[in-house]
Amino acid sequence: MSGLPRAIAVANQFDRQALRAYKAAVETYARLPWVTGVGIGIKETGGQLHASAGPVIVFYVTKKLKRVPKGKHS
């Protein structure tokens, strides 16, 4: 997917900067074997949502790691 449908972006108040970041993330990471999806969402830490932080890029992966090893993202 190269972009987010305009109706979804407008309804969720995603600005152009968030949409550019989403597109860049899709182009850079979507084809990696452990990435199962890329999206835009609300920041969440410890089960708590932080809507005031603005939109964030969300990565869906096959297995969550505490830290991504350097040089292992390609």
N, C-alpha and C. Protein backbone atom coordinates (compact mmCIF):
# COMPACT_ATOMS: atom_id res chain seq x y z
N MET A 1 0.84 -1.18 0.00
CA MET A 1 0.00 0.00 0.00
C MET A 1 0.88 1.23 0.00
N SER A 2 0.67 2.14 -0.90
CA SER A 2 1.53 3.32 -0.99
C SER A 2 0.97 4.53 -0.27
N GLY A 3 -0.24 4.47 0.22
CA GLY A 3 -0.80 5.60 0.93
C GLY A 3 -2.01 5.19 1.73
N LEU A 4 -2.49 6.10 2.54
CA LEU A 4 -3.66 5.86 3.35
C LEU A 4 -4.83 6.55 2.69
N PRO A 5 -5.96 5.88 2.56
CA PRO A 5 -7.12 6.52 1.93
C PRO A 5 -7.44 7.86 2.61
N ARG A 6 -7.71 8.87 1.81
CA ARG A 6 -7.95 10.22 2.30
C ARG A 6 -9.04 10.27 3.37
N ALA A 7 -10.12 9.52 3.18
CA ALA A 7 -11.22 9.54 4.15
C ALA A 7 -10.76 9.08 5.52
N ILE A 8 -9.89 8.07 5.57
CA ILE A 8 -9.38 7.59 6.85
C ILE A 8 -8.46 8.62 7.47
N ALA A 9 -7.60 9.21 6.67
CA ALA A 9 -6.67 10.22 7.17
C ALA A 9 -7.41 11.42 7.74
N VAL A 10 -8.42 11.89 7.05
CA VAL A 10 -9.18 13.05 7.51
C VAL A 10 -9.96 12.71 8.78
N ALA A 11 -10.62 11.58 8.79
CA ALA A 11 -11.42 11.18 9.95
C ALA A 11 -10.57 11.02 11.21
N ASN A 12 -9.33 10.61 11.05
CA ASN A 12 -8.45 10.39 12.19
C ASN A 12 -7.47 11.53 12.43
N GLN A 13 -7.62 12.61 11.69
CA GLN A 13 -6.82 13.82 11.83
C GLN A 13 -5.32 13.57 11.67
N PHE A 14 -4.96 12.69 10.75
CA PHE A 14 -3.55 12.47 10.45
C PHE A 14 -3.08 13.59 9.55
N ASP A 15 -2.00 14.25 9.93
CA ASP A 15 -1.49 15.33 9.11
C ASP A 15 -0.54 14.80 8.03
N ARG A 16 -0.12 15.67 7.17
CA ARG A 16 0.74 15.25 6.05
C ARG A 16 2.06 14.67 6.53
N GLN A 17 2.58 15.20 7.62
CA GLN A 17 3.85 14.69 8.15
C GLN A 17 3.70 13.23 8.59
N ALA A 18 2.59 12.90 9.26
CA ALA A 18 2.35 11.52 9.68
C ALA A 18 2.19 10.61 8.47
N LEU A 19 1.51 11.10 7.45
CA LEU A 19 1.31 10.28 6.24
C LEU A 19 2.62 10.06 5.49
N ARG A 20 3.49 11.09 5.47
CA ARG A 20 4.82 10.91 4.84
C ARG A 20 5.64 9.89 5.62
N ALA A 21 5.57 9.96 6.95
CA ALA A 21 6.32 9.01 7.78
C ALA A 21 5.80 7.59 7.56
N TYR A 22 4.47 7.46 7.45
CA TYR A 22 3.87 6.15 7.19
C TYR A 22 4.37 5.59 5.86
N LYS A 23 4.33 6.41 4.83
CA LYS A 23 4.76 5.96 3.50
C LYS A 23 6.24 5.55 3.52
N ALA A 24 7.08 6.34 4.19
CA ALA A 24 8.51 6.02 4.28
C ALA A 24 8.72 4.71 5.04
N ALA A 25 7.95 4.49 6.10
CA ALA A 25 8.07 3.26 6.88
C ALA A 25 7.67 2.05 6.05
N VAL A 26 6.60 2.19 5.28
CA VAL A 26 6.16 1.09 4.41
C VAL A 26 7.24 0.77 3.39
N GLU A 27 7.78 1.80 2.75
CA GLU A 27 8.81 1.59 1.72
C GLU A 27 10.08 0.98 2.30
N THR A 28 10.43 1.35 3.54
CA THR A 28 11.68 0.90 4.14
C THR A 28 11.57 -0.46 4.83
N TYR A 29 10.46 -0.70 5.52
CA TYR A 29 10.39 -1.88 6.39
C TYR A 29 9.38 -2.96 6.00
N ALA A 30 8.39 -2.65 5.20
CA ALA A 30 7.30 -3.60 4.94
C ALA A 30 7.76 -4.92 4.32
N ARG A 31 8.84 -4.93 3.60
CA ARG A 31 9.29 -6.17 2.94
C ARG A 31 10.25 -7.00 3.79
N LEU A 32 10.56 -6.54 4.98
CA LEU A 32 11.45 -7.32 5.84
C LEU A 32 10.72 -8.56 6.32
N PRO A 33 11.43 -9.68 6.45
CA PRO A 33 10.75 -10.94 6.75
C PRO A 33 10.00 -10.97 8.08
N TRP A 34 10.42 -10.21 9.07
CA TRP A 34 9.76 -10.24 10.37
C TRP A 34 8.67 -9.19 10.53
N VAL A 35 8.52 -8.31 9.54
CA VAL A 35 7.47 -7.28 9.59
C VAL A 35 6.23 -7.82 8.88
N THR A 36 5.12 -7.90 9.60
CA THR A 36 3.89 -8.40 9.02
C THR A 36 2.93 -7.29 8.63
N GLY A 37 3.22 -6.07 9.08
CA GLY A 37 2.37 -4.93 8.71
C GLY A 37 2.91 -3.64 9.28
N VAL A 38 2.46 -2.53 8.68
CA VAL A 38 2.82 -1.18 9.12
C VAL A 38 1.53 -0.37 9.16
N GLY A 39 1.38 0.45 10.18
CA GLY A 39 0.17 1.25 10.28
C GLY A 39 0.42 2.55 11.02
N ILE A 40 -0.64 3.30 11.22
CA ILE A 40 -0.60 4.53 12.01
C ILE A 40 -1.54 4.31 13.19
N GLY A 41 -1.09 4.65 14.38
CA GLY A 41 -1.92 4.43 15.55
C GLY A 41 -1.68 5.46 16.63
N ILE A 42 -2.13 5.13 17.83
CA ILE A 42 -1.96 5.97 19.00
C ILE A 42 -0.88 5.35 19.87
N LYS A 43 0.00 6.20 20.41
CA LYS A 43 1.08 5.71 21.26
C LYS A 43 0.50 4.96 22.46
N GLU A 44 1.12 3.80 22.75
CA GLU A 44 0.70 2.99 23.89
C GLU A 44 1.93 2.51 24.63
N THR A 45 1.95 2.71 25.93
CA THR A 45 3.02 2.19 26.77
C THR A 45 2.40 1.59 28.01
N GLY A 46 2.80 0.40 28.35
CA GLY A 46 2.28 -0.27 29.53
C GLY A 46 0.77 -0.43 29.53
N GLY A 47 0.18 -0.59 28.37
CA GLY A 47 -1.27 -0.76 28.27
C GLY A 47 -2.06 0.53 28.33
N GLN A 48 -1.38 1.66 28.44
CA GLN A 48 -2.05 2.96 28.50
C GLN A 48 -1.90 3.70 27.17
N LEU A 49 -2.99 4.26 26.66
CA LEU A 49 -2.95 5.05 25.43
C LEU A 49 -2.58 6.48 25.74
N HIS A 50 -1.80 7.10 24.84
CA HIS A 50 -1.34 8.47 25.00
C HIS A 50 -1.72 9.26 23.75
N ALA A 51 -3.01 9.55 23.61
CA ALA A 51 -3.51 10.24 22.42
C ALA A 51 -2.89 11.62 22.25
N SER A 52 -2.52 12.27 23.34
CA SER A 52 -1.95 13.62 23.25
C SER A 52 -0.57 13.61 22.59
N ALA A 53 0.05 12.44 22.47
CA ALA A 53 1.36 12.34 21.82
C ALA A 53 1.26 12.46 20.31
N GLY A 54 0.05 12.38 19.77
CA GLY A 54 -0.13 12.43 18.32
C GLY A 54 0.01 11.05 17.72
N PRO A 55 -0.15 10.97 16.40
CA PRO A 55 -0.06 9.67 15.74
C PRO A 55 1.36 9.12 15.74
N VAL A 56 1.45 7.79 15.79
CA VAL A 56 2.75 7.11 15.73
C VAL A 56 2.71 6.05 14.64
N ILE A 57 3.86 5.68 14.15
CA ILE A 57 3.97 4.59 13.18
C ILE A 57 4.02 3.29 13.97
N VAL A 58 3.17 2.34 13.58
CA VAL A 58 3.05 1.07 14.28
C VAL A 58 3.62 -0.03 13.37
N PHE A 59 4.46 -0.88 13.95
CA PHE A 59 5.01 -2.01 13.22
C PHE A 59 4.44 -3.29 13.83
N TYR A 60 3.90 -4.14 12.99
CA TYR A 60 3.42 -5.45 13.40
C TYR A 60 4.50 -6.44 13.00
N VAL A 61 4.95 -7.24 13.96
CA VAL A 61 6.08 -8.14 13.72
C VAL A 61 5.73 -9.56 14.14
N THR A 62 6.52 -10.51 13.64
CA THR A 62 6.28 -11.91 13.98
C THR A 62 6.64 -12.20 15.43
N LYS A 63 7.66 -11.52 15.98
CA LYS A 63 8.07 -11.71 17.36
C LYS A 63 8.62 -10.39 17.88
N LYS A 64 8.07 -9.92 19.00
CA LYS A 64 8.51 -8.66 19.58
C LYS A 64 9.81 -8.87 20.34
N LEU A 65 10.78 -7.99 20.08
CA LEU A 65 12.04 -8.00 20.81
C LEU A 65 12.10 -6.76 21.68
N LYS A 66 12.84 -6.84 22.77
CA LYS A 66 13.00 -5.65 23.61
C LYS A 66 13.81 -4.59 22.87
N ARG A 67 14.72 -5.03 22.02
CA ARG A 67 15.60 -4.10 21.32
C ARG A 67 16.01 -4.72 19.98
N VAL A 68 16.00 -3.92 18.94
CA VAL A 68 16.42 -4.41 17.62
C VAL A 68 17.93 -4.32 17.53
N PRO A 69 18.61 -5.43 17.23
CA PRO A 69 20.07 -5.38 17.10
C PRO A 69 20.50 -4.42 16.01
N LYS A 70 21.56 -3.67 16.25
CA LYS A 70 22.07 -2.74 15.25
C LYS A 70 22.48 -3.46 13.99
N GLY A 71 22.16 -2.88 12.84
CA GLY A 71 22.54 -3.45 11.57
C GLY A 71 21.67 -4.62 11.13
N LYS A 72 20.62 -4.92 11.85
CA LYS A 72 19.77 -6.07 11.53
C LYS A 72 18.44 -5.67 10.89
N HIS A 73 18.32 -4.44 10.41
CA HIS A 73 17.03 -4.00 9.85
C HIS A 73 16.97 -4.08 8.35
N SER A 74 17.91 -4.73 7.72
CA SER A 74 17.82 -4.86 6.26
C SER A 74 17.96 -6.29 5.82
